[in-house]
Amino acid sequence: MALYIDADACPVKGEAERVATRHRLQMYVVSNGGLRPSANPLVETVIVAEGADVADMWIADRAGPGDVVVTGDIPLAAKCVEAGARVLRHNGEVFTPANIGQQLAMRDLMTDLRAANPLNQGGGGKAFTKADRSRFLDALEREIRAAARG
């Protein structure tokens, strides 16, 4: 059992480390650079080569049943859910076999809508809030416990 963090632009790495440490769980923080490594012996910082989706592929190749993955990348989430891992976003939203298809479809729709916006009006996502952080901590705790139960 391990915790995988898709670390690029992830605002909850510190929170995830505290939860992983409390559960004595190996944690992999995966990115293509720019992160300060943790001194925690349970946390391994994995720096992958530059390139599109290289960090995602590293996680997808390893995550499976009993593991927990934190990512905002929906295609990566889909691969990990398919492999049997428990997957959640950094705001606490859980990806499941029941909702991942809809999430992928919505992502594709939003990509098409952004491409059709010639003036690039709108944009930007919602700000990350304390409530999001709290939901993440609750969801991570639940997912780790559920993964441990098998």
Protein backbone atom coordinates (compact mmCIF):
# COMPACT_ATOMS: atom_id res chain seq x y z
CA MET A 1 0.00 0.00 0.00
CA ALA A 2 1.38 3.40 -1.05
CA LEU A 3 0.26 6.99 -1.52
CA TYR A 4 1.12 8.58 -4.87
CA ILE A 5 0.99 12.36 -5.28
CA ASP A 6 0.88 13.92 -8.74
CA ALA A 7 2.85 16.82 -7.32
CA ASP A 8 2.93 19.43 -10.06
CA ALA A 9 0.56 22.20 -8.90
CA CYS A 10 -0.70 20.11 -5.96
CA PRO A 11 -1.52 22.40 -3.01
CA VAL A 12 -1.86 19.61 -0.42
CA LYS A 13 1.52 17.86 -0.43
CA GLY A 14 2.21 18.82 3.18
CA GLU A 15 -1.19 17.64 4.38
CA ALA A 16 -0.81 14.36 2.50
CA GLU A 17 2.62 13.83 4.08
CA ARG A 18 1.21 14.31 7.58
CA VAL A 19 -1.57 11.79 6.95
CA ALA A 20 0.83 9.29 5.33
CA THR A 21 3.21 9.62 8.27
CA ARG A 22 0.41 9.03 10.78
CA HIS A 23 -0.50 5.81 8.91
CA ARG A 24 3.18 4.86 8.37
CA LEU A 25 2.49 4.77 4.65
CA GLN A 26 5.10 5.05 1.90
CA MET A 27 4.45 8.22 -0.10
CA TYR A 28 5.76 9.03 -3.58
CA VAL A 29 5.79 12.71 -4.60
CA VAL A 30 6.14 12.64 -8.38
CA SER A 31 6.99 15.63 -10.58
CA ASN A 32 9.37 16.72 -13.30
CA GLY A 33 11.31 19.00 -10.99
CA GLY A 34 11.19 22.09 -8.86
CA LEU A 35 10.21 20.43 -5.58
CA ARG A 36 12.09 20.51 -2.33
CA PRO A 37 12.58 16.92 -1.13
CA SER A 38 11.16 15.96 2.24
CA ALA A 39 13.46 14.73 5.01
CA ASN A 40 10.74 12.27 6.02
CA PRO A 41 12.01 8.70 5.41
CA LEU A 42 8.49 7.64 4.35
CA VAL A 43 8.43 10.22 1.54
CA GLU A 44 10.28 9.59 -1.70
CA THR A 45 10.56 12.48 -4.14
CA VAL A 46 10.53 11.12 -7.69
CA ILE A 47 11.82 13.46 -10.38
CA VAL A 48 10.92 12.21 -13.85
CA ALA A 49 12.24 13.39 -17.20
CA GLU A 50 10.73 16.48 -18.80
CA GLY A 51 7.90 15.79 -21.16
CA ALA A 52 4.16 15.64 -21.43
CA ASP A 53 2.56 13.22 -18.99
CA VAL A 54 5.82 11.56 -17.90
CA ALA A 55 4.94 11.94 -14.20
CA ASP A 56 1.43 10.64 -14.92
CA MET A 57 2.83 7.59 -16.70
CA TRP A 58 5.19 6.87 -13.77
CA ILE A 59 2.25 6.86 -11.36
CA ALA A 60 -0.08 4.93 -13.69
CA ASP A 61 2.56 2.22 -14.18
CA ARG A 62 2.77 1.60 -10.41
CA ALA A 63 -0.57 2.38 -8.76
CA GLY A 64 -2.98 -0.49 -8.21
CA PRO A 65 -5.25 -2.15 -5.69
CA GLY A 66 -4.55 -0.98 -2.14
CA ASP A 67 -2.90 2.26 -3.29
CA VAL A 68 -4.20 5.82 -3.04
CA VAL A 69 -3.49 8.44 -5.72
CA VAL A 70 -3.94 12.22 -5.43
CA THR A 71 -4.25 13.98 -8.78
CA GLY A 72 -6.22 16.62 -10.61
CA ASP A 73 -5.42 14.98 -13.95
CA ILE A 74 -8.54 13.17 -15.10
CA PRO A 75 -6.91 10.83 -17.67
CA LEU A 76 -4.40 9.75 -14.98
CA ALA A 77 -7.27 9.30 -12.53
CA ALA A 78 -9.07 7.10 -15.07
CA LYS A 79 -6.01 4.86 -15.53
CA CYS A 80 -5.53 4.52 -11.78
CA VAL A 81 -9.21 3.80 -11.10
CA GLU A 82 -9.11 1.16 -13.84
CA ALA A 83 -6.03 -0.37 -12.17
CA GLY A 84 -7.93 -0.64 -8.87
CA ALA A 85 -6.38 2.27 -6.97
CA ARG A 86 -8.41 4.71 -4.89
CA VAL A 87 -8.12 8.19 -6.43
CA LEU A 88 -8.99 11.68 -5.25
CA ARG A 89 -8.48 15.29 -6.26
CA HIS A 90 -6.71 17.75 -4.01
CA ASN A 91 -10.12 19.23 -3.07
CA GLY A 92 -11.34 15.89 -1.69
CA GLU A 93 -13.49 14.84 -4.64
CA VAL A 94 -13.19 11.08 -5.12
CA PHE A 95 -12.90 9.48 -8.56
CA THR A 96 -14.71 6.13 -8.76
CA PRO A 97 -15.58 3.62 -11.47
CA ALA A 98 -19.11 5.07 -11.33
CA ASN A 99 -18.09 8.70 -12.03
CA ILE A 100 -14.85 8.59 -14.00
CA GLY A 101 -16.56 8.28 -17.40
CA GLN A 102 -18.60 11.40 -16.75
CA GLN A 103 -15.47 13.22 -15.53
CA LEU A 104 -13.62 12.33 -18.75
CA ALA A 105 -16.56 13.46 -20.89
CA MET A 106 -16.81 16.77 -19.01
CA ARG A 107 -13.06 17.32 -19.40
CA ASP A 108 -13.31 16.75 -23.16
CA LEU A 109 -16.31 19.09 -23.41
CA MET A 110 -14.49 21.84 -21.50
CA THR A 111 -11.42 21.40 -23.72
CA ASP A 112 -13.60 21.87 -26.79
CA LEU A 113 -15.30 24.93 -25.29
CA ARG A 114 -11.95 26.55 -24.44
CA ALA A 115 -10.72 25.87 -27.98
CA ALA A 116 -13.85 27.53 -29.40
CA ASN A 117 -13.29 30.70 -27.33
CA PRO A 118 -11.21 32.84 -29.73
CA LEU A 119 -10.90 35.75 -27.30
CA ASN A 120 -9.91 33.56 -24.34
CA GLN A 121 -12.54 35.23 -22.18
CA GLY A 122 -13.34 33.78 -18.79
CA GLY A 123 -10.95 31.10 -17.66
CA GLY A 124 -9.18 30.44 -14.45
CA GLY A 125 -10.50 27.94 -11.97
CA LYS A 126 -11.98 28.35 -8.56
CA ALA A 127 -9.59 29.44 -5.84
CA PHE A 128 -8.43 26.70 -3.46
CA THR A 129 -10.06 27.33 -0.08
CA LYS A 130 -9.66 26.21 3.53
CA ALA A 131 -12.87 24.22 3.05
CA ASP A 132 -11.27 22.40 0.08
CA ARG A 133 -8.23 21.60 2.23
CA SER A 134 -10.46 20.26 5.00
CA ARG A 135 -12.49 18.13 2.55
CA PHE A 136 -9.23 16.77 1.16
CA LEU A 137 -7.97 15.74 4.59
CA ASP A 138 -11.26 14.00 5.41
CA ALA A 139 -11.37 12.25 2.03
CA LEU A 140 -7.72 11.16 2.20
CA GLU A 141 -8.25 9.68 5.66
CA ARG A 142 -11.33 7.76 4.43
CA GLU A 143 -9.58 6.49 1.30
CA ILE A 144 -6.49 5.31 3.18
CA ARG A 145 -8.64 3.47 5.71
CA ALA A 146 -10.74 1.90 2.95
CA ALA A 147 -7.59 0.84 1.05
CA ALA A 148 -6.17 -0.71 4.23
CA ARG A 149 -9.38 -2.74 4.71
CA GLY A 150 -8.86 -4.09 1.24
